[in-house]
Protein backbone atom coordinates (compact mmCIF):
# COMPACT_ATOMS: atom_id res chain seq x y z
CA MET A 1 -0.13 -0.25 0.02
CA GLU A 2 0.95 3.00 -0.73
CA ILE A 3 1.88 6.34 1.66
CA GLN A 4 1.34 10.00 0.10
CA ILE A 5 2.04 12.90 2.16
CA THR A 6 1.58 16.39 1.32
CA GLY A 7 1.59 19.69 3.18
CA LEU A 8 2.44 18.43 7.23
CA ARG A 9 3.44 20.59 9.73
CA LYS A 10 3.51 20.07 13.23
CA HIS A 11 4.97 22.59 15.50
CA PHE A 12 5.78 22.41 19.34
CA TYR A 13 5.81 25.26 21.01
CA SER A 14 7.91 25.94 24.79
CA GLU A 15 8.62 28.58 26.38
CA GLY A 16 7.53 31.09 23.63
CA ASN A 17 9.33 29.21 21.54
CA THR A 18 8.18 27.52 18.36
CA ILE A 19 9.60 23.87 17.40
CA LYS A 20 9.24 23.25 13.65
CA ALA A 21 9.06 19.46 13.88
CA LEU A 22 7.51 18.72 10.48
CA ASP A 23 8.35 21.56 8.45
CA ASP A 24 5.55 21.37 4.96
CA VAL A 25 6.81 17.78 3.78
CA ASP A 26 5.75 15.89 0.49
CA LEU A 27 6.63 12.37 0.93
CA HIS A 28 5.67 9.70 -1.39
CA ILE A 29 6.26 5.94 -0.22
CA PRO A 30 6.13 3.05 -2.81
CA GLU A 31 3.92 0.19 -2.07
CA LYS A 32 5.92 -3.08 -1.02
CA THR A 33 9.29 -1.23 -0.07
CA ILE A 34 10.93 -0.70 2.75
CA PHE A 35 11.65 2.92 3.53
CA THR A 36 13.71 4.55 6.19
CA LEU A 37 13.35 8.26 7.58
CA LEU A 38 16.96 8.50 9.00
CA GLY A 39 18.35 11.21 10.66
CA PRO A 40 19.54 12.97 14.28
CA SER A 41 17.43 13.31 16.96
CA GLY A 42 15.01 15.79 17.08
CA CYS A 43 14.86 15.92 13.50
CA GLY A 44 11.24 14.90 13.37
CA LYS A 45 11.44 11.39 11.50
CA THR A 46 9.65 9.74 14.86
CA THR A 47 6.93 12.56 14.38
CA LEU A 48 6.13 12.07 10.96
CA LEU A 49 5.61 8.37 11.85
CA ARG A 50 3.73 8.97 14.51
CA CYS A 51 1.40 11.14 12.37
CA ILE A 52 1.13 8.32 9.68
CA VAL A 53 -0.22 6.27 12.20
CA GLY A 54 -2.69 8.36 14.23
CA LEU A 55 -0.69 9.28 17.58
CA GLU A 56 0.18 12.75 16.27
CA THR A 57 -2.35 15.31 15.04
CA PRO A 58 -0.16 17.62 12.40
CA ASP A 59 -1.80 20.96 12.16
CA ALA A 60 -1.77 21.21 8.55
CA GLY A 61 -1.70 18.99 5.41
CA GLU A 62 -2.68 15.79 4.37
CA ILE A 63 -2.14 11.75 4.76
CA ARG A 64 -3.25 9.23 2.25
CA ILE A 65 -2.83 5.63 2.69
CA GLY A 66 -3.68 3.82 -0.79
CA ASP A 67 -6.99 5.32 -1.96
CA GLU A 68 -7.88 6.14 1.43
CA ILE A 69 -7.39 10.13 3.14
CA VAL A 70 -6.48 9.58 6.73
CA TRP A 71 -5.99 12.83 7.37
CA SER A 72 -6.67 16.21 5.93
CA THR A 73 -6.76 19.95 8.03
CA GLU A 74 -8.64 21.56 4.06
CA LYS A 75 -10.98 18.49 4.25
CA LYS A 76 -11.59 18.22 7.48
CA ILE A 77 -10.74 13.89 7.72
CA TYR A 78 -9.75 12.27 10.64
CA VAL A 79 -9.74 8.35 10.55
CA PRO A 80 -8.53 6.91 14.04
CA THR A 81 -5.65 5.06 14.82
CA GLU A 82 -7.70 1.81 15.72
CA LYS A 83 -9.07 2.31 11.86
CA ARG A 84 -6.34 2.77 9.48
CA LYS A 85 -5.13 -0.56 9.40
CA LEU A 86 -1.23 0.13 10.38
CA GLY A 87 0.70 -2.32 12.34
CA MET A 88 3.70 -0.80 14.24
CA VAL A 89 6.98 -2.05 16.44
CA PHE A 90 8.10 0.39 18.86
CA GLN A 91 11.23 1.13 20.31
CA THR A 92 10.24 -0.89 23.27
CA TYR A 93 8.50 -3.32 22.19
CA ALA A 94 5.65 -3.43 24.47
CA ILE A 95 4.98 -6.89 25.34
CA TRP A 96 3.37 -7.26 28.30
CA PRO A 97 5.34 -9.25 31.02
CA HIS A 98 2.09 -10.76 32.35
CA MET A 99 1.17 -12.48 29.30
CA ASN A 100 2.43 -15.52 27.57
CA VAL A 101 3.70 -15.46 23.76
CA PHE A 102 0.38 -16.41 22.57
CA ASN A 103 -1.91 -13.92 24.47
CA ASN A 104 0.94 -11.08 23.80
CA VAL A 105 0.42 -11.76 20.06
CA ALA A 106 -3.30 -12.44 19.57
CA TYR A 107 -4.08 -9.38 21.54
CA PRO A 108 -4.80 -7.71 18.67
CA LEU A 109 -6.71 -10.18 17.42
CA GLN A 110 -9.01 -10.60 20.68
CA ILE A 111 -9.91 -6.99 20.16
CA GLN A 112 -11.22 -7.42 17.04
CA LYS A 113 -13.71 -10.44 18.60
CA LEU A 114 -12.63 -13.02 16.33
CA PRO A 115 -13.28 -16.85 16.49
CA LYS A 116 -10.96 -18.72 18.44
CA ASN A 117 -9.95 -21.02 16.36
CA GLU A 118 -9.29 -18.32 13.62
CA ILE A 119 -6.92 -16.43 16.18
CA ARG A 120 -4.85 -19.77 16.49
CA GLU A 121 -4.28 -20.36 13.28
CA ARG A 122 -3.42 -16.93 12.75
CA VAL A 123 -1.18 -16.57 15.52
CA ALA A 124 0.19 -20.11 14.98
CA LYS A 125 1.47 -19.35 11.20
CA THR A 126 2.76 -15.84 12.51
CA LEU A 127 5.22 -17.11 15.09
CA ALA A 128 6.32 -20.08 12.44
CA PHE A 129 7.19 -16.81 9.98
CA VAL A 130 9.06 -14.74 12.93
CA GLN A 131 10.76 -18.32 14.06
CA LEU A 132 8.73 -18.75 17.07
CA ASP A 133 7.45 -21.82 16.72
CA GLY A 134 6.83 -23.67 19.88
CA PHE A 135 7.13 -20.16 21.94
CA GLN A 136 3.32 -20.08 22.45
CA GLU A 137 3.86 -20.95 25.94
CA ARG A 138 6.42 -19.15 26.84
CA PRO A 139 5.79 -16.53 29.47
CA ALA A 140 7.02 -13.22 27.72
CA THR A 141 9.48 -12.39 31.37
CA LYS A 142 11.68 -15.45 29.92
CA LEU A 143 12.58 -14.37 26.58
CA SER A 144 15.42 -13.38 25.34
CA GLY A 145 16.05 -9.42 23.69
CA GLY A 146 16.04 -10.67 20.39
CA GLN A 147 12.94 -13.07 20.85
CA GLN A 148 11.15 -9.67 22.06
CA GLN A 149 11.61 -8.32 19.56
CA ARG A 150 10.10 -10.87 16.88
CA VAL A 151 6.83 -10.72 19.53
CA ALA A 152 6.59 -7.52 18.94
CA LEU A 153 6.97 -8.05 14.92
CA ALA A 154 4.29 -11.18 15.13
CA ARG A 155 2.11 -8.79 16.67
CA ALA A 156 2.35 -6.19 14.71
CA LEU A 157 1.95 -8.47 11.48
CA VAL A 158 -0.27 -10.40 12.93
CA ALA A 159 -3.85 -7.99 12.22
CA GLU A 160 -2.32 -8.37 8.50
CA PRO A 161 -1.79 -4.47 7.70
CA ARG A 162 -1.86 -2.31 5.04
CA VAL A 163 1.68 -0.97 6.23
CA ILE A 164 4.26 -1.92 8.94
CA LEU A 165 5.80 0.78 10.89
CA PHE A 166 8.84 0.31 12.87
CA ASP A 167 10.34 3.13 15.63
CA GLU A 168 13.94 2.52 16.34
CA PRO A 169 13.13 -1.15 16.75
CA LEU A 170 16.94 -2.24 17.51
CA SER A 171 18.11 0.38 19.53
CA ASN A 172 18.20 -1.97 22.98
CA LEU A 173 19.99 -4.79 21.65
CA ASP A 174 23.10 -5.20 22.08
CA ALA A 175 25.98 -5.19 18.65
CA LYS A 176 26.05 -8.55 17.97
CA LEU A 177 22.25 -9.28 18.17
CA ARG A 178 21.56 -6.11 16.46
CA GLU A 179 23.51 -7.64 13.58
CA GLU A 180 21.85 -10.34 13.46
CA THR A 181 17.96 -9.38 14.39
CA ARG A 182 18.86 -6.84 10.90
CA LYS A 183 19.60 -9.50 8.53
CA GLU A 184 16.38 -11.95 9.77
CA LEU A 185 14.04 -8.55 9.50
CA LYS A 186 15.29 -7.73 6.48
CA ALA A 187 14.38 -11.29 4.83
CA PHE A 188 11.24 -11.06 6.98
CA LEU A 189 10.10 -7.80 5.46
CA SER A 190 11.19 -8.80 1.62
CA GLU A 191 9.13 -12.38 2.28
CA LEU A 192 6.45 -10.24 3.03
CA GLN A 193 6.42 -7.81 0.23
CA ILE A 194 4.89 -5.39 2.71
CA THR A 195 4.70 -1.50 2.74
CA ALA A 196 7.62 -0.92 5.78
CA ILE A 197 8.58 2.03 7.13
CA TYR A 198 11.26 2.30 9.56
CA VAL A 199 12.80 5.11 11.56
CA THR A 200 16.17 5.01 12.83
CA HIS A 201 19.51 7.68 13.44
CA ASP A 202 22.06 4.61 12.77
CA ARG A 203 23.16 4.75 8.86
CA LEU A 204 24.37 1.23 8.83
CA GLU A 205 20.53 0.17 9.64
CA ALA A 206 19.59 2.32 7.20
CA LEU A 207 22.17 0.89 4.62
CA ALA A 208 21.42 -2.09 5.12
CA LEU A 209 17.66 -2.65 5.33
CA SER A 210 16.11 -0.45 2.89
CA ASP A 211 14.99 0.02 -0.55
CA THR A 212 14.85 3.55 -0.21
CA ILE A 213 15.97 6.34 2.59
CA ALA A 214 14.78 9.91 2.82
CA VAL A 215 17.35 12.01 5.37
CA MET A 216 15.69 14.42 7.17
CA ARG A 217 16.72 17.36 9.00
CA THR A 218 15.32 20.40 11.03
CA GLY A 219 11.41 19.16 10.17
CA LYS A 220 12.21 18.28 6.23
CA ILE A 221 13.32 15.83 4.15
CA ILE A 222 16.66 17.04 2.75
CA GLU A 223 17.66 14.08 0.27
CA LYS A 224 15.81 10.98 -0.70
CA GLY A 225 17.36 7.82 -2.82
CA ASN A 226 18.31 4.46 -2.85
CA PRO A 227 21.14 3.06 -0.24
CA ARG A 228 23.93 3.32 -2.95
CA LYS A 229 23.06 6.67 -4.34
CA ILE A 230 22.88 8.24 -0.73
CA TYR A 231 25.97 7.25 0.56
CA PHE A 232 28.17 7.01 -2.77
CA GLY A 233 25.95 10.26 -4.42
CA ALA A 234 24.81 12.65 -1.41
CA GLU A 235 24.22 16.18 -2.48
CA THR A 236 25.10 17.48 0.46
CA SER A 237 27.92 18.04 2.89
CA PHE A 238 25.32 16.62 5.66
CA VAL A 239 24.29 13.87 4.06
CA ALA A 240 27.47 12.71 2.93
CA ASP A 241 28.98 13.16 6.69
CA PHE A 242 25.77 11.74 8.39
CA ILE A 243 25.83 8.63 6.24
CA GLY A 244 28.90 7.01 6.79
CA ARG A 245 32.83 8.71 7.72
CA SER A 246 34.04 11.00 5.36
CA ASN A 247 36.68 13.08 4.46
CA LEU A 248 34.92 16.82 3.46
CA ILE A 249 37.69 18.82 2.14
CA PRO A 250 37.00 22.50 1.30
CA ALA A 251 37.39 22.70 -2.72
CA VAL A 252 37.02 24.95 -5.55
CA VAL A 253 35.46 24.30 -9.04
CA GLU A 254 38.10 25.27 -11.62
CA ASN A 255 36.12 23.56 -14.72
CA SER A 256 34.46 20.50 -16.31
CA THR A 257 34.44 18.01 -18.87
CA GLU A 258 31.50 15.88 -20.68
CA ASN A 259 32.65 13.34 -17.92
CA GLU A 260 35.26 15.23 -15.18
CA THR A 261 35.42 17.88 -12.80
CA LEU A 262 38.43 19.40 -11.93
CA VAL A 263 39.09 20.76 -8.68
CA GLU A 264 41.67 22.99 -6.20
CA SER A 265 41.79 21.52 -2.91
CA LYS A 266 43.77 21.64 0.32
CA ILE A 267 45.08 18.17 -0.48
CA GLY A 268 46.03 19.29 -4.05
CA LYS A 269 44.16 19.79 -7.69
CA LEU A 270 41.97 17.05 -7.98
CA ILE A 271 40.06 15.17 -10.23
CA CYS A 272 36.94 13.83 -9.76
CA ARG A 273 33.42 12.50 -10.57
CA LYS A 274 31.25 14.85 -12.89
CA ALA A 275 29.40 17.14 -11.13
CA ASN A 276 26.84 20.12 -11.57
CA PHE A 277 28.54 22.82 -10.34
CA ASN A 278 30.40 26.21 -12.02
CA PRO A 279 33.81 27.31 -12.04
CA GLY A 280 35.03 29.23 -9.01
CA GLU A 281 31.98 28.16 -7.22
CA ASN A 282 33.18 27.00 -3.01
CA ILE A 283 32.20 23.59 -2.60
CA THR A 284 32.94 20.21 -0.49
CA LEU A 285 35.19 17.32 -1.81
CA CYS A 286 34.31 14.57 -0.37
CA LEU A 287 36.30 11.68 0.28
CA ARG A 288 35.52 7.79 1.76
CA PRO A 289 38.76 6.24 4.26
CA GLU A 290 38.07 2.73 3.15
CA PHE A 291 39.04 4.39 -0.92
CA ILE A 292 42.16 5.39 0.67
CA ARG A 293 44.89 3.03 0.17
CA PRO A 294 47.98 4.20 0.96
CA ARG A 295 51.60 2.52 -0.19
CA PRO A 296 55.62 3.51 1.28
CA ALA A 297 56.04 6.53 -0.38
CA ALA A 298 59.62 4.88 -0.88
CA GLU A 299 57.56 2.01 -3.66
CA ALA A 300 55.74 4.19 -5.83
CA THR A 301 57.05 5.96 -9.36
CA GLY A 302 55.57 8.10 -11.82
CA THR A 303 53.00 10.89 -11.44
CA ALA A 304 49.76 9.31 -11.74
CA VAL A 305 45.92 11.13 -11.52
CA ASN A 306 45.75 12.27 -8.63
CA ARG A 307 48.64 11.16 -6.68
CA VAL A 308 48.85 12.18 -2.80
CA GLU A 309 51.66 12.46 -0.40
CA GLY A 310 51.31 12.01 3.21
CA ILE A 311 52.49 10.81 6.73
CA ILE A 312 51.30 8.45 8.77
CA GLU A 313 50.10 10.40 12.23
CA THR A 314 48.14 7.37 14.10
CA LEU A 315 47.43 4.04 13.40
CA LEU A 316 44.36 2.64 16.00
CA PHE A 317 43.94 -1.23 15.44
CA VAL A 318 39.93 -1.62 15.07
CA GLY A 319 39.92 -5.51 14.07
CA ASP A 320 38.98 -5.93 10.83
CA ALA A 321 41.39 -3.07 9.59
CA TYR A 322 43.27 -0.32 11.05
CA GLU A 323 42.33 3.34 11.64
CA GLY A 324 44.55 6.17 10.49
CA GLU A 325 45.05 9.35 10.08
CA ILE A 326 47.30 10.56 7.40
CA ARG A 327 48.45 14.21 7.45
CA VAL A 328 48.84 15.68 3.87
CA GLY A 329 49.84 19.47 4.48
CA GLU A 330 47.99 21.20 7.12
CA THR A 331 44.90 18.84 6.40
CA THR A 332 44.48 15.24 7.99
CA LEU A 333 42.49 12.47 6.54
CA ILE A 334 40.94 9.19 8.06
CA ALA A 335 41.78 6.06 5.88
CA GLN A 336 40.44 2.81 6.91
CA ILE A 337 43.85 0.80 6.21
CA ASN A 338 44.35 -2.84 5.69
CA PRO A 339 45.21 -4.97 8.98
CA ASP A 340 48.20 -6.82 7.66
CA THR A 341 49.60 -3.62 7.29
CA ASP A 342 53.23 -3.05 8.52
CA PHE A 343 53.25 1.00 8.78
CA LYS A 344 54.03 2.82 11.34
CA THR A 345 52.98 6.07 13.19
CA GLY A 346 55.79 8.33 10.93
CA ASP A 347 55.75 6.53 7.56
CA ALA A 348 55.53 8.38 4.26
CA VAL A 349 53.05 7.41 1.93
CA VAL A 350 51.62 7.69 -1.38
CA PHE A 351 47.66 6.84 -2.39
CA HIS A 352 46.00 7.79 -5.98
CA LEU A 353 42.46 8.68 -6.03
CA SER A 354 40.19 7.17 -8.32
CA PRO A 355 38.18 10.04 -9.94
CA GLU A 356 34.59 8.35 -9.60
CA HIS A 357 35.61 7.92 -5.57
CA CYS A 358 35.82 11.80 -5.73
CA PHE A 359 32.78 13.66 -5.04
CA LEU A 360 32.07 16.87 -4.51
CA VAL A 361 29.04 18.07 -2.30
CA ALA A 362 27.43 21.24 -1.80
CA ASN A 363 29.12 23.17 1.62
């Protein structure tokens, strides 16, 4: 079920100040996709989610789910939360500790007063889907964090919603369990072919789970695209920095050809991926640490394109890589270096930057 949001506005007032939680948001969410709202705390993503589900009342705008308008200020339409046929998984799971797994999952169907046989069949089917078959009688308090997350997902799915919404559902899990649950959730949602809206401030979750990511800032959608587009083709320095570790370097456009853009930067003159900026324009050069691959300066020969020389300032071993800092003139770059490197602090290095990996963004 697709969702269309038009001109959505929600303001909060505190001590004489107006906080624009949602500032005229326009958004189209295609059906049968995993759509992630990504942004820092306070950017408006949870407020937007709560407006869609009906837990927050917008000040203006319209929300359409499929062919049905569920909120419109102008048309004076309001469809209550329970009639929007949406499922929601909260950050805290909201598992009832006094109920067993069966009753936690069955609760939405019991509220609808469905026949007991149908409830049993649907609960059993849903628990099997989330790999909790046989857990029906298990007390909720005896479950692990990952199992509780699956119970919350099963409860959201059992009523066969048109759309399922997630409000940072993995934030309470430890790092290892979070990674495993992320893979399971991706598999579940892909198999269901249901529209899912996922709220997070975790860039790894957004990149791993999403078909489409919308980055929010101060109540607005500032960029939208698939994960690769957002990561490798961000349009602003804020998004480039927020979606992943970045070296952001001031630069000035010199000229452009059909395929490339030449810039003068603080680490030298570089040929970059084609960008639509004018000569003389001040922009930002973005270099991802994983594409800075240093070699000993003594082994380097020739004057290849985008050759950069520097000195290793720091090396921090993190298991699968060294996180290094390389000083180039007065600029320090972060680099992700192979874990079997023989580099030491103070070593002179050289690296070549592929023009495809040098992308330019607006300041």
